[in-house]
Amino acid sequence: VAQITAAYVLGLYLAQLKGTVFRDEIGQTLDSLKAMPAKIQWVLDTQTDEIERCAERLKEAGSVLFLGRHVGYPVALEGALKLKEIAYTFTEGFAAGELKHGPIALVDEGEPVVFIVPPARGRNTLHAKVISGIEEVKARGAYIIAVAEENDKDVERYADMIFWRPECPTLMSPLVDIVPLQLFAMDMAKQKGYDVDKPRNLAKSVTVE
């Protein structure tokens, strides 16, 4: 989260130097960034129980697939990596647009598939395409976990479990979306009896001594 925030601020600074973004637009973006801690806290306050239930439900899963589009793609990659690192579950993160070019072949009955769903606002074609992907894997018997914006009726229709995010700008959503996935990885590791502070075989720089 800190790295993404630093990258946003650096990008805004460079845009200001080059004059490619209006000053008021930079101010609005900074205001959105300042609002993110409260939105992350909302996730911590309201979604923890659902995340724990999901970990309990999936603790015996042999593999989990993660899919996302646009800014949701790196979130899917990070979610897959965290679950792999500390819960020792086989995971793969994919671009949701590539679903028909390989990942869908891995979907069996009951296979857990995590979708990072963009908001229906703004570029809602992204939302429609992700929902279409959810429909496809659901039809093949997948167990759907969605990270989505509050009150998304399309997600409610298809997902088996949902980690909700409060409303926030699409470009800021990764700051919020990664939090439930990190908590999910932690809870999965605990359910399996692993020490989340000392993951095995990882470089010293990512472990706690």
N, C-alpha and C. Protein backbone atom coordinates (compact mmCIF):
# COMPACT_ATOMS: atom_id res chain seq x y z
N VAL A 1 0.84 -1.20 0.00
CA VAL A 1 0.00 0.00 0.00
C VAL A 1 0.87 1.25 0.00
N ALA A 2 1.91 1.25 0.84
CA ALA A 2 2.81 2.41 0.90
C ALA A 2 3.53 2.63 -0.42
N GLN A 3 3.93 1.54 -1.08
CA GLN A 3 4.63 1.66 -2.35
C GLN A 3 3.73 2.24 -3.44
N ILE A 4 2.48 1.78 -3.47
CA ILE A 4 1.54 2.31 -4.47
C ILE A 4 1.30 3.79 -4.22
N THR A 5 1.12 4.15 -2.97
CA THR A 5 0.89 5.56 -2.62
C THR A 5 2.08 6.42 -3.04
N ALA A 6 3.28 5.94 -2.75
CA ALA A 6 4.48 6.69 -3.13
C ALA A 6 4.57 6.85 -4.64
N ALA A 7 4.21 5.81 -5.38
CA ALA A 7 4.24 5.89 -6.84
C ALA A 7 3.22 6.91 -7.36
N TYR A 8 2.03 6.93 -6.76
CA TYR A 8 1.02 7.91 -7.16
C TYR A 8 1.53 9.34 -6.91
N VAL A 9 2.10 9.57 -5.74
CA VAL A 9 2.58 10.91 -5.40
C VAL A 9 3.72 11.33 -6.33
N LEU A 10 4.62 10.40 -6.63
CA LEU A 10 5.71 10.70 -7.56
C LEU A 10 5.15 11.04 -8.94
N GLY A 11 4.17 10.26 -9.39
CA GLY A 11 3.55 10.52 -10.69
C GLY A 11 2.89 11.89 -10.74
N LEU A 12 2.20 12.26 -9.67
CA LEU A 12 1.56 13.57 -9.60
C LEU A 12 2.60 14.69 -9.62
N TYR A 13 3.71 14.48 -8.92
CA TYR A 13 4.78 15.49 -8.89
C TYR A 13 5.37 15.69 -10.28
N LEU A 14 5.63 14.59 -10.98
CA LEU A 14 6.18 14.68 -12.34
C LEU A 14 5.17 15.33 -13.29
N ALA A 15 3.90 14.99 -13.12
CA ALA A 15 2.86 15.60 -13.95
C ALA A 15 2.79 17.10 -13.73
N GLN A 16 2.95 17.51 -12.47
CA GLN A 16 2.95 18.94 -12.16
C GLN A 16 4.14 19.64 -12.79
N LEU A 17 5.31 19.01 -12.71
CA LEU A 17 6.51 19.61 -13.30
C LEU A 17 6.37 19.76 -14.81
N LYS A 18 5.77 18.77 -15.45
CA LYS A 18 5.64 18.79 -16.91
C LYS A 18 4.40 19.53 -17.38
N GLY A 19 3.52 19.87 -16.46
CA GLY A 19 2.31 20.59 -16.82
C GLY A 19 1.31 19.77 -17.58
N THR A 20 1.32 18.45 -17.38
CA THR A 20 0.41 17.57 -18.12
C THR A 20 -0.92 17.35 -17.40
N VAL A 21 -1.01 17.80 -16.14
CA VAL A 21 -2.24 17.66 -15.36
C VAL A 21 -2.54 19.00 -14.69
N PHE A 22 -3.80 19.41 -14.72
CA PHE A 22 -4.19 20.67 -14.10
C PHE A 22 -4.02 20.60 -12.58
N ARG A 23 -3.72 21.75 -11.98
CA ARG A 23 -3.47 21.81 -10.54
C ARG A 23 -4.67 21.30 -9.73
N ASP A 24 -5.91 21.68 -10.15
CA ASP A 24 -7.07 21.24 -9.38
C ASP A 24 -7.27 19.72 -9.48
N GLU A 25 -6.87 19.15 -10.62
CA GLU A 25 -6.96 17.70 -10.78
C GLU A 25 -5.97 16.99 -9.85
N ILE A 26 -4.78 17.56 -9.72
CA ILE A 26 -3.79 17.02 -8.79
C ILE A 26 -4.33 17.09 -7.36
N GLY A 27 -4.95 18.22 -7.02
CA GLY A 27 -5.51 18.39 -5.69
C GLY A 27 -6.59 17.37 -5.40
N GLN A 28 -7.45 17.10 -6.39
CA GLN A 28 -8.51 16.12 -6.21
C GLN A 28 -7.94 14.72 -5.98
N THR A 29 -6.89 14.40 -6.74
CA THR A 29 -6.27 13.08 -6.59
C THR A 29 -5.62 12.94 -5.22
N LEU A 30 -4.96 13.99 -4.76
CA LEU A 30 -4.36 13.96 -3.42
C LEU A 30 -5.43 13.82 -2.34
N ASP A 31 -6.56 14.50 -2.53
CA ASP A 31 -7.67 14.36 -1.57
C ASP A 31 -8.17 12.92 -1.53
N SER A 32 -8.23 12.29 -2.71
CA SER A 32 -8.66 10.89 -2.77
C SER A 32 -7.68 9.99 -2.03
N LEU A 33 -6.39 10.26 -2.21
CA LEU A 33 -5.38 9.48 -1.50
C LEU A 33 -5.51 9.63 0.01
N LYS A 34 -5.77 10.86 0.45
CA LYS A 34 -5.90 11.11 1.89
C LYS A 34 -7.11 10.40 2.48
N ALA A 35 -8.09 10.11 1.64
CA ALA A 35 -9.30 9.43 2.12
C ALA A 35 -9.13 7.91 2.22
N MET A 36 -8.05 7.38 1.64
CA MET A 36 -7.88 5.94 1.59
C MET A 36 -7.71 5.27 2.96
N PRO A 37 -6.98 5.86 3.92
CA PRO A 37 -6.87 5.18 5.23
C PRO A 37 -8.22 4.88 5.87
N ALA A 38 -9.17 5.81 5.75
CA ALA A 38 -10.49 5.58 6.33
C ALA A 38 -11.22 4.45 5.61
N LYS A 39 -11.01 4.34 4.30
CA LYS A 39 -11.66 3.28 3.54
C LYS A 39 -11.04 1.92 3.86
N ILE A 40 -9.73 1.90 4.05
CA ILE A 40 -9.07 0.67 4.47
C ILE A 40 -9.55 0.26 5.86
N GLN A 41 -9.70 1.24 6.74
CA GLN A 41 -10.20 0.94 8.09
C GLN A 41 -11.61 0.37 8.02
N TRP A 42 -12.41 0.87 7.09
CA TRP A 42 -13.77 0.34 6.91
C TRP A 42 -13.71 -1.15 6.59
N VAL A 43 -12.79 -1.53 5.72
CA VAL A 43 -12.63 -2.95 5.39
C VAL A 43 -12.26 -3.74 6.63
N LEU A 44 -11.31 -3.23 7.40
CA LEU A 44 -10.88 -3.92 8.62
C LEU A 44 -12.02 -4.05 9.63
N ASP A 45 -12.87 -3.03 9.70
CA ASP A 45 -13.96 -3.02 10.67
C ASP A 45 -15.14 -3.89 10.27
N THR A 46 -15.36 -4.04 8.96
CA THR A 46 -16.60 -4.68 8.51
C THR A 46 -16.43 -6.02 7.79
N GLN A 47 -15.25 -6.32 7.28
CA GLN A 47 -15.08 -7.50 6.43
C GLN A 47 -14.30 -8.64 7.08
N THR A 48 -13.76 -8.41 8.25
CA THR A 48 -12.89 -9.41 8.88
C THR A 48 -13.60 -10.74 9.11
N ASP A 49 -14.83 -10.71 9.58
CA ASP A 49 -15.56 -11.96 9.86
C ASP A 49 -15.79 -12.76 8.58
N GLU A 50 -16.17 -12.09 7.51
CA GLU A 50 -16.42 -12.78 6.24
C GLU A 50 -15.12 -13.39 5.70
N ILE A 51 -14.03 -12.66 5.85
CA ILE A 51 -12.73 -13.17 5.39
C ILE A 51 -12.34 -14.41 6.18
N GLU A 52 -12.56 -14.40 7.49
CA GLU A 52 -12.26 -15.56 8.32
C GLU A 52 -13.12 -16.76 7.93
N ARG A 53 -14.40 -16.51 7.63
CA ARG A 53 -15.29 -17.59 7.20
C ARG A 53 -14.82 -18.19 5.89
N CYS A 54 -14.35 -17.33 5.00
CA CYS A 54 -13.86 -17.80 3.70
C CYS A 54 -12.63 -18.68 3.88
N ALA A 55 -11.72 -18.26 4.76
CA ALA A 55 -10.52 -19.05 5.02
C ALA A 55 -10.87 -20.41 5.62
N GLU A 56 -11.84 -20.42 6.53
CA GLU A 56 -12.29 -21.68 7.12
C GLU A 56 -12.88 -22.59 6.05
N ARG A 57 -13.64 -22.00 5.14
CA ARG A 57 -14.28 -22.77 4.06
C ARG A 57 -13.26 -23.35 3.09
N LEU A 58 -12.17 -22.63 2.83
CA LEU A 58 -11.24 -23.02 1.77
C LEU A 58 -9.91 -23.57 2.27
N LYS A 59 -9.79 -23.84 3.55
CA LYS A 59 -8.49 -24.24 4.11
C LYS A 59 -7.95 -25.53 3.49
N GLU A 60 -8.82 -26.38 2.97
CA GLU A 60 -8.38 -27.62 2.36
C GLU A 60 -8.21 -27.51 0.85
N ALA A 61 -8.41 -26.34 0.29
CA ALA A 61 -8.32 -26.17 -1.16
C ALA A 61 -6.90 -26.46 -1.64
N GLY A 62 -6.79 -27.22 -2.72
CA GLY A 62 -5.48 -27.53 -3.27
C GLY A 62 -4.90 -26.41 -4.11
N SER A 63 -5.77 -25.56 -4.64
CA SER A 63 -5.32 -24.44 -5.47
C SER A 63 -6.38 -23.36 -5.47
N VAL A 64 -5.95 -22.14 -5.79
CA VAL A 64 -6.87 -20.99 -5.89
C VAL A 64 -6.41 -20.14 -7.07
N LEU A 65 -7.35 -19.76 -7.92
CA LEU A 65 -7.04 -18.88 -9.05
C LEU A 65 -7.48 -17.46 -8.72
N PHE A 66 -6.72 -16.48 -9.19
CA PHE A 66 -7.02 -15.07 -8.98
C PHE A 66 -7.08 -14.38 -10.34
N LEU A 67 -8.14 -13.60 -10.58
CA LEU A 67 -8.30 -12.91 -11.86
C LEU A 67 -8.69 -11.46 -11.65
N GLY A 68 -8.10 -10.58 -12.47
CA GLY A 68 -8.44 -9.16 -12.41
C GLY A 68 -8.15 -8.47 -13.73
N ARG A 69 -8.84 -7.39 -13.96
CA ARG A 69 -8.64 -6.56 -15.16
C ARG A 69 -8.16 -5.18 -14.77
N HIS A 70 -7.46 -4.53 -15.71
CA HIS A 70 -7.08 -3.13 -15.51
C HIS A 70 -6.28 -3.04 -14.21
N VAL A 71 -6.60 -2.12 -13.31
CA VAL A 71 -5.84 -2.02 -12.06
C VAL A 71 -6.07 -3.22 -11.14
N GLY A 72 -7.07 -4.02 -11.45
CA GLY A 72 -7.32 -5.22 -10.65
C GLY A 72 -6.37 -6.36 -10.95
N TYR A 73 -5.68 -6.29 -12.09
CA TYR A 73 -4.75 -7.38 -12.45
C TYR A 73 -3.58 -7.49 -11.48
N PRO A 74 -2.85 -6.38 -11.21
CA PRO A 74 -1.76 -6.51 -10.21
C PRO A 74 -2.27 -6.88 -8.82
N VAL A 75 -3.50 -6.50 -8.50
CA VAL A 75 -4.08 -6.92 -7.21
C VAL A 75 -4.24 -8.44 -7.19
N ALA A 76 -4.70 -9.00 -8.31
CA ALA A 76 -4.84 -10.45 -8.41
C ALA A 76 -3.48 -11.14 -8.25
N LEU A 77 -2.45 -10.58 -8.88
CA LEU A 77 -1.11 -11.16 -8.77
C LEU A 77 -0.61 -11.12 -7.33
N GLU A 78 -0.81 -9.99 -6.66
CA GLU A 78 -0.35 -9.85 -5.29
C GLU A 78 -1.14 -10.76 -4.35
N GLY A 79 -2.45 -10.86 -4.57
CA GLY A 79 -3.26 -11.76 -3.75
C GLY A 79 -2.81 -13.20 -3.88
N ALA A 80 -2.52 -13.61 -5.12
CA ALA A 80 -2.04 -14.97 -5.35
C ALA A 80 -0.69 -15.20 -4.69
N LEU A 81 0.19 -14.21 -4.81
CA LEU A 81 1.53 -14.33 -4.23
C LEU A 81 1.48 -14.48 -2.71
N LYS A 82 0.66 -13.64 -2.06
CA LYS A 82 0.59 -13.68 -0.60
C LYS A 82 0.06 -15.03 -0.10
N LEU A 83 -0.95 -15.56 -0.77
CA LEU A 83 -1.51 -16.84 -0.35
C LEU A 83 -0.48 -17.96 -0.55
N LYS A 84 0.27 -17.86 -1.63
CA LYS A 84 1.32 -18.84 -1.91
C LYS A 84 2.44 -18.76 -0.88
N GLU A 85 2.83 -17.53 -0.52
CA GLU A 85 3.97 -17.31 0.37
C GLU A 85 3.74 -17.80 1.80
N ILE A 86 2.54 -17.55 2.33
CA ILE A 86 2.38 -17.83 3.76
C ILE A 86 1.41 -18.96 4.08
N ALA A 87 0.56 -19.36 3.12
CA ALA A 87 -0.34 -20.49 3.36
C ALA A 87 0.06 -21.72 2.57
N TYR A 88 1.08 -21.57 1.69
CA TYR A 88 1.62 -22.69 0.92
C TYR A 88 0.55 -23.38 0.08
N THR A 89 -0.36 -22.57 -0.44
CA THR A 89 -1.41 -23.04 -1.34
C THR A 89 -0.99 -22.71 -2.76
N PHE A 90 -1.17 -23.65 -3.68
CA PHE A 90 -0.82 -23.37 -5.08
C PHE A 90 -1.79 -22.33 -5.63
N THR A 91 -1.25 -21.24 -6.12
CA THR A 91 -2.08 -20.16 -6.65
C THR A 91 -1.50 -19.66 -7.97
N GLU A 92 -2.37 -19.09 -8.78
CA GLU A 92 -1.95 -18.40 -10.01
C GLU A 92 -2.80 -17.16 -10.17
N GLY A 93 -2.17 -16.06 -10.57
CA GLY A 93 -2.89 -14.84 -10.89
C GLY A 93 -2.90 -14.62 -12.39
N PHE A 94 -4.04 -14.27 -12.94
CA PHE A 94 -4.18 -14.10 -14.39
C PHE A 94 -4.89 -12.79 -14.70
N ALA A 95 -4.63 -12.26 -15.89
CA ALA A 95 -5.44 -11.18 -16.43
C ALA A 95 -6.79 -11.77 -16.81
N ALA A 96 -7.87 -11.17 -16.33
CA ALA A 96 -9.20 -11.74 -16.57
C ALA A 96 -9.53 -11.79 -18.05
N GLY A 97 -8.95 -10.90 -18.85
CA GLY A 97 -9.19 -10.92 -20.28
C GLY A 97 -8.62 -12.14 -20.98
N GLU A 98 -7.71 -12.84 -20.30
CA GLU A 98 -7.09 -14.04 -20.86
C GLU A 98 -7.79 -15.31 -20.40
N LEU A 99 -8.94 -15.17 -19.79
CA LEU A 99 -9.63 -16.31 -19.20
C LEU A 99 -9.81 -17.46 -20.18
N LYS A 100 -10.21 -17.14 -21.41
CA LYS A 100 -10.49 -18.18 -22.40
C LYS A 100 -9.24 -18.75 -23.04
N HIS A 101 -8.09 -18.17 -22.72
CA HIS A 101 -6.84 -18.59 -23.36
C HIS A 101 -5.97 -19.39 -22.40
N GLY A 102 -6.58 -20.19 -21.55
CA GLY A 102 -5.81 -21.04 -20.66
C GLY A 102 -6.40 -21.22 -19.28
N PRO A 103 -6.59 -20.13 -18.52
CA PRO A 103 -7.05 -20.30 -17.13
C PRO A 103 -8.35 -21.07 -16.98
N ILE A 104 -9.27 -20.90 -17.92
CA ILE A 104 -10.56 -21.56 -17.76
C ILE A 104 -10.44 -23.08 -17.82
N ALA A 105 -9.35 -23.57 -18.44
CA ALA A 105 -9.13 -25.01 -18.50
C ALA A 105 -8.81 -25.59 -17.13
N LEU A 106 -8.42 -24.73 -16.18
CA LEU A 106 -8.07 -25.19 -14.84
C LEU A 106 -9.28 -25.25 -13.91
N VAL A 107 -10.43 -24.79 -14.38
CA VAL A 107 -11.61 -24.69 -13.51
C VAL A 107 -12.36 -26.01 -13.47
N ASP A 108 -12.35 -26.63 -12.30
CA ASP A 108 -13.13 -27.84 -12.06
C ASP A 108 -14.25 -27.51 -11.08
N GLU A 109 -15.11 -28.48 -10.84
CA GLU A 109 -16.18 -28.31 -9.86
C GLU A 109 -15.59 -27.98 -8.49
N GLY A 110 -16.03 -26.85 -7.92
CA GLY A 110 -15.58 -26.45 -6.60
C GLY A 110 -14.27 -25.69 -6.56
N GLU A 111 -13.63 -25.47 -7.70
CA GLU A 111 -12.36 -24.73 -7.73
C GLU A 111 -12.56 -23.30 -7.24
N PRO A 112 -11.82 -22.86 -6.22
CA PRO A 112 -11.96 -21.47 -5.76
C PRO A 112 -11.34 -20.50 -6.78
N VAL A 113 -12.11 -19.51 -7.17
CA VAL A 113 -11.63 -18.49 -8.10
C VAL A 113 -11.96 -17.12 -7.51
N VAL A 114 -10.93 -16.31 -7.34
CA VAL A 114 -11.09 -14.96 -6.78
C VAL A 114 -11.09 -13.96 -7.92
N PHE A 115 -12.13 -13.13 -7.97
CA PHE A 115 -12.23 -12.07 -8.98
C PHE A 115 -12.12 -10.71 -8.31
N ILE A 116 -11.27 -9.85 -8.87
CA ILE A 116 -11.22 -8.45 -8.46
C ILE A 116 -12.15 -7.69 -9.40
N VAL A 117 -13.26 -7.22 -8.87
CA VAL A 117 -14.32 -6.63 -9.70
C VAL A 117 -14.25 -5.11 -9.65
N PRO A 118 -14.06 -4.45 -10.80
CA PRO A 118 -14.05 -2.98 -10.81
C PRO A 118 -15.45 -2.44 -10.56
N PRO A 119 -15.56 -1.19 -10.16
CA PRO A 119 -16.90 -0.61 -9.93
C PRO A 119 -17.68 -0.51 -11.23
N ALA A 120 -19.00 -0.52 -11.09
CA ALA A 120 -19.86 -0.39 -12.27
C ALA A 120 -19.91 1.05 -12.77
N ARG A 121 -19.40 1.98 -11.95
CA ARG A 121 -19.35 3.38 -12.36
C ARG A 121 -18.21 3.60 -13.36
N GLY A 122 -18.23 4.73 -14.05
CA GLY A 122 -17.11 5.09 -14.91
C GLY A 122 -16.97 4.13 -16.08
N ARG A 123 -15.80 3.49 -16.18
CA ARG A 123 -15.55 2.57 -17.29
C ARG A 123 -16.28 1.25 -17.02
N ASN A 124 -17.62 1.30 -17.12
CA ASN A 124 -18.40 0.14 -16.71
C ASN A 124 -18.29 -1.03 -17.67
N THR A 125 -17.65 -0.81 -18.85
CA THR A 125 -17.41 -1.95 -19.73
C THR A 125 -16.46 -2.93 -19.06
N LEU A 126 -15.53 -2.43 -18.25
CA LEU A 126 -14.64 -3.31 -17.50
C LEU A 126 -15.44 -4.17 -16.53
N HIS A 127 -16.39 -3.54 -15.86
CA HIS A 127 -17.24 -4.27 -14.92
C HIS A 127 -18.02 -5.36 -15.64
N ALA A 128 -18.61 -5.02 -16.77
CA ALA A 128 -19.41 -5.99 -17.51
C ALA A 128 -18.57 -7.17 -17.97
N LYS A 129 -17.34 -6.91 -18.38
CA LYS A 129 -16.47 -8.00 -18.85
C LYS A 129 -16.06 -8.91 -17.70
N VAL A 130 -15.79 -8.34 -16.54
CA VAL A 130 -15.44 -9.18 -15.39
C VAL A 130 -16.64 -10.02 -14.96
N ILE A 131 -17.82 -9.42 -14.95
CA ILE A 131 -19.03 -10.18 -14.60
C ILE A 131 -19.24 -11.32 -15.59
N SER A 132 -18.98 -11.07 -16.86
CA SER A 132 -19.09 -12.12 -17.87
C SER A 132 -18.14 -13.28 -17.57
N GLY A 133 -16.92 -12.94 -17.14
CA GLY A 133 -15.97 -13.98 -16.76
C GLY A 133 -16.44 -14.78 -15.55
N ILE A 134 -17.03 -14.08 -14.59
CA ILE A 134 -17.58 -14.77 -13.41
C ILE A 134 -18.67 -15.75 -13.84
N GLU A 135 -19.54 -15.31 -14.74
CA GLU A 135 -20.61 -16.19 -15.23
C GLU A 135 -20.03 -17.45 -15.86
N GLU A 136 -18.96 -17.28 -16.64
CA GLU A 136 -18.38 -18.43 -17.34
C GLU A 136 -17.80 -19.46 -16.38
N VAL A 137 -17.04 -19.01 -15.39
CA VAL A 137 -16.44 -19.99 -14.47
C VAL A 137 -17.49 -20.54 -13.50
N LYS A 138 -18.49 -19.74 -13.17
CA LYS A 138 -19.58 -20.22 -12.33
C LYS A 138 -20.32 -21.36 -13.02
N ALA A 139 -20.52 -21.23 -14.33
CA ALA A 139 -21.20 -22.26 -15.09
C ALA A 139 -20.42 -23.57 -15.10
N ARG A 140 -19.13 -23.49 -14.83
CA ARG A 140 -18.29 -24.69 -14.79
C ARG A 140 -18.08 -25.21 -13.37
N GLY A 141 -18.85 -24.65 -12.44
CA GLY A 141 -18.84 -25.18 -11.09
C GLY A 141 -17.87 -24.54 -10.13
N ALA A 142 -17.24 -23.43 -10.52
CA ALA A 142 -16.26 -22.77 -9.65
C ALA A 142 -16.93 -22.19 -8.40
N TYR A 143 -16.14 -22.09 -7.34
CA TYR A 143 -16.57 -21.42 -6.11
C TYR A 143 -16.03 -20.00 -6.18
N ILE A 144 -16.92 -19.01 -6.27
CA ILE A 144 -16.53 -17.64 -6.59
C ILE A 144 -16.36 -16.80 -5.34
N ILE A 145 -15.17 -16.20 -5.20
CA ILE A 145 -14.92 -15.18 -4.18
C ILE A 145 -14.68 -13.88 -4.92
N ALA A 146 -15.41 -12.84 -4.58
CA ALA A 146 -15.28 -11.55 -5.27
C ALA A 146 -14.84 -10.46 -4.31
N VAL A 147 -13.96 -9.60 -4.81
CA VAL A 147 -13.65 -8.35 -4.12
C VAL A 147 -14.34 -7.27 -4.94
N ALA A 148 -15.34 -6.61 -4.36
CA ALA A 148 -16.19 -5.74 -5.16
C ALA A 148 -16.71 -4.56 -4.34
N GLU A 149 -17.24 -3.58 -5.07
CA GLU A 149 -17.77 -2.39 -4.42
C GLU A 149 -19.13 -2.69 -3.78
N GLU A 150 -19.35 -2.09 -2.64
CA GLU A 150 -20.60 -2.28 -1.89
C GLU A 150 -21.83 -2.22 -2.78
N ASN A 151 -22.77 -3.14 -2.53
CA ASN A 151 -24.09 -3.15 -3.17
C ASN A 151 -24.04 -3.43 -4.67
N ASP A 152 -23.01 -4.14 -5.12
CA ASP A 152 -22.94 -4.54 -6.52
C ASP A 152 -23.88 -5.74 -6.72
N LYS A 153 -25.02 -5.50 -7.32
CA LYS A 153 -26.05 -6.54 -7.45
C LYS A 153 -25.61 -7.67 -8.37
N ASP A 154 -24.82 -7.35 -9.39
CA ASP A 154 -24.34 -8.40 -10.30
C ASP A 154 -23.44 -9.37 -9.55
N VAL A 155 -22.58 -8.83 -8.71
CA VAL A 155 -21.69 -9.68 -7.92
C VAL A 155 -22.50 -10.52 -6.94
N GLU A 156 -23.48 -9.92 -6.29
CA GLU A 156 -24.32 -10.66 -5.34
C GLU A 156 -25.02 -11.83 -6.02
N ARG A 157 -25.33 -11.67 -7.29
CA ARG A 157 -26.06 -12.71 -8.02
C ARG A 157 -25.19 -13.96 -8.22
N TYR A 158 -23.89 -13.78 -8.41
CA TYR A 158 -23.06 -14.91 -8.82
C TYR A 158 -22.04 -15.37 -7.77
N ALA A 159 -21.59 -14.49 -6.91
CA ALA A 159 -20.49 -14.84 -6.00
C ALA A 159 -20.97 -15.66 -4.81
N ASP A 160 -20.14 -16.59 -4.38
CA ASP A 160 -20.43 -17.38 -3.19
C ASP A 160 -20.02 -16.64 -1.92
N MET A 161 -18.93 -15.88 -2.01
CA MET A 161 -18.49 -15.04 -0.89
C MET A 161 -17.97 -13.73 -1.47
N ILE A 162 -18.18 -12.64 -0.72
CA ILE A 162 -17.80 -11.32 -1.22
C ILE A 162 -17.05 -10.57 -0.13
N PHE A 163 -15.91 -9.98 -0.52
CA PHE A 163 -15.20 -9.04 0.33
C PHE A 163 -15.51 -7.65 -0.22
N TRP A 164 -16.31 -6.89 0.50
CA TRP A 164 -16.76 -5.59 -0.01
C TRP A 164 -15.72 -4.50 0.20
N ARG A 165 -15.70 -3.57 -0.74
CA ARG A 165 -14.93 -2.33 -0.58
C ARG A 165 -15.90 -1.17 -0.57
N PRO A 166 -15.60 -0.08 0.14
CA PRO A 166 -16.44 1.11 0.05
C PRO A 166 -16.19 1.80 -1.29
N GLU A 167 -17.07 2.69 -1.66
CA GLU A 167 -16.91 3.40 -2.93
C GLU A 167 -15.62 4.21 -2.93
N CYS A 168 -14.84 4.06 -3.99
CA CYS A 168 -13.61 4.84 -4.14
C CYS A 168 -13.25 4.91 -5.62
N PRO A 169 -12.43 5.87 -6.02
CA PRO A 169 -12.05 5.98 -7.43
C PRO A 169 -11.38 4.69 -7.91
N THR A 170 -11.65 4.32 -9.14
CA THR A 170 -11.11 3.07 -9.68
C THR A 170 -9.59 2.99 -9.53
N LEU A 171 -8.89 4.08 -9.84
CA LEU A 171 -7.43 4.05 -9.78
C LEU A 171 -6.90 3.92 -8.35
N MET A 172 -7.73 4.23 -7.38
CA MET A 172 -7.32 4.09 -5.98
C MET A 172 -7.73 2.73 -5.40
N SER A 173 -8.57 2.00 -6.10
CA SER A 173 -9.13 0.77 -5.53
C SER A 173 -8.09 -0.28 -5.15
N PRO A 174 -6.94 -0.39 -5.84
CA PRO A 174 -5.96 -1.38 -5.39
C PRO A 174 -5.49 -1.17 -3.96
N LEU A 175 -5.44 0.09 -3.51
CA LEU A 175 -5.03 0.37 -2.13
C LEU A 175 -5.96 -0.30 -1.12
N VAL A 176 -7.22 -0.41 -1.49
CA VAL A 176 -8.23 -1.01 -0.61
C VAL A 176 -8.34 -2.52 -0.87
N ASP A 177 -8.34 -2.90 -2.14
CA ASP A 177 -8.61 -4.29 -2.51
C ASP A 177 -7.57 -5.27 -2.00
N ILE A 178 -6.33 -4.83 -1.91
CA ILE A 178 -5.29 -5.77 -1.50
C ILE A 178 -5.41 -6.15 -0.03
N VAL A 179 -6.04 -5.29 0.76
CA VAL A 179 -6.11 -5.54 2.21
C VAL A 179 -6.90 -6.81 2.54
N PRO A 180 -8.12 -7.01 2.01
CA PRO A 180 -8.81 -8.26 2.34
C PRO A 180 -8.09 -9.50 1.83
N LEU A 181 -7.35 -9.36 0.72
CA LEU A 181 -6.62 -10.52 0.21
C LEU A 181 -5.43 -10.86 1.10
N GLN A 182 -4.79 -9.84 1.65
CA GLN A 182 -3.70 -10.10 2.60
C GLN A 182 -4.24 -10.74 3.88
N LEU A 183 -5.38 -10.25 4.35
CA LEU A 183 -6.01 -10.85 5.53
C LEU A 183 -6.45 -12.29 5.25
N PHE A 184 -6.96 -12.52 4.06
CA PHE A 184 -7.37 -13.86 3.66
C PHE A 184 -6.18 -14.82 3.68
N ALA A 185 -5.05 -14.38 3.14
CA ALA A 185 -3.84 -15.22 3.15
C ALA A 185 -3.40 -15.52 4.58
N MET A 186 -3.44 -14.50 5.43
CA MET A 186 -3.06 -14.69 6.83
C MET A 186 -3.99 -15.69 7.53
N ASP A 187 -5.30 -15.53 7.31
CA ASP A 187 -6.26 -16.42 7.96
C ASP A 187 -6.14 -17.85 7.42
N MET A 188 -5.87 -17.99 6.13
CA MET A 188 -5.66 -19.33 5.56
C MET A 188 -4.45 -19.99 6.21
N ALA A 189 -3.37 -19.24 6.38
CA ALA A 189 -2.17 -19.79 7.00
C ALA A 189 -2.46 -20.22 8.44
N LYS A 190 -3.19 -19.40 9.17
CA LYS A 190 -3.53 -19.74 10.56
C LYS A 190 -4.42 -20.98 10.62
N GLN A 191 -5.38 -21.07 9.70
CA GLN A 191 -6.26 -22.24 9.66
C GLN A 191 -5.46 -23.52 9.43
N LYS A 192 -4.36 -23.40 8.69
CA LYS A 192 -3.53 -24.57 8.37
C LYS A 192 -2.40 -24.77 9.38
N GLY A 193 -2.35 -23.90 10.40
CA GLY A 193 -1.38 -24.07 11.46
C GLY A 193 0.01 -23.56 11.18
N TYR A 194 0.14 -22.60 10.25
CA TYR A 194 1.46 -22.07 9.90
C TYR A 194 1.73 -20.74 10.61
N ASP A 195 3.01 -20.47 10.84
CA ASP A 195 3.44 -19.21 11.45
C ASP A 195 3.54 -18.15 10.36
N VAL A 196 2.64 -17.18 10.39
CA VAL A 196 2.60 -16.18 9.31
C VAL A 196 3.80 -15.24 9.36
N ASP A 197 4.47 -15.16 10.50
CA ASP A 197 5.63 -14.27 10.62
C ASP A 197 6.93 -14.92 10.16
N LYS A 198 6.90 -16.23 9.95
CA LYS A 198 8.12 -16.92 9.53
C LYS A 198 7.82 -17.90 8.40
N PRO A 199 7.43 -17.37 7.23
CA PRO A 199 7.17 -18.26 6.09
C PRO A 199 8.44 -18.98 5.67
N ARG A 200 8.29 -20.21 5.28
CA ARG A 200 9.46 -21.05 5.00
C ARG A 200 10.10 -20.69 3.65
N ASN A 201 11.39 -20.84 3.60
CA ASN A 201 12.18 -20.75 2.36
C ASN A 201 12.16 -19.39 1.68
N LEU A 202 11.69 -18.34 2.36
CA LEU A 202 11.67 -17.02 1.74
C LEU A 202 12.92 -16.24 2.12
N ALA A 203 13.26 -15.27 1.28
CA ALA A 203 14.43 -14.43 1.56
C ALA A 203 14.25 -13.71 2.89
N LYS A 204 15.35 -13.48 3.57
CA LYS A 204 15.33 -12.87 4.89
C LYS A 204 14.63 -11.51 4.89
N SER A 205 14.70 -10.81 3.77
CA SER A 205 14.16 -9.45 3.71
C SER A 205 12.65 -9.40 3.82
N VAL A 206 11.97 -10.53 3.62
CA VAL A 206 10.50 -10.52 3.70
C VAL A 206 9.99 -11.26 4.92
N THR A 207 10.88 -11.63 5.82
CA THR A 207 10.44 -12.32 7.03
C THR A 207 10.73 -11.47 8.25
N VAL A 208 10.10 -11.84 9.35
CA VAL A 208 10.30 -11.14 10.62
C VAL A 208 11.22 -11.97 11.49
N GLU A 209 12.30 -11.39 11.94
CA GLU A 209 13.24 -12.13 12.78
C GLU A 209 12.76 -12.12 14.23
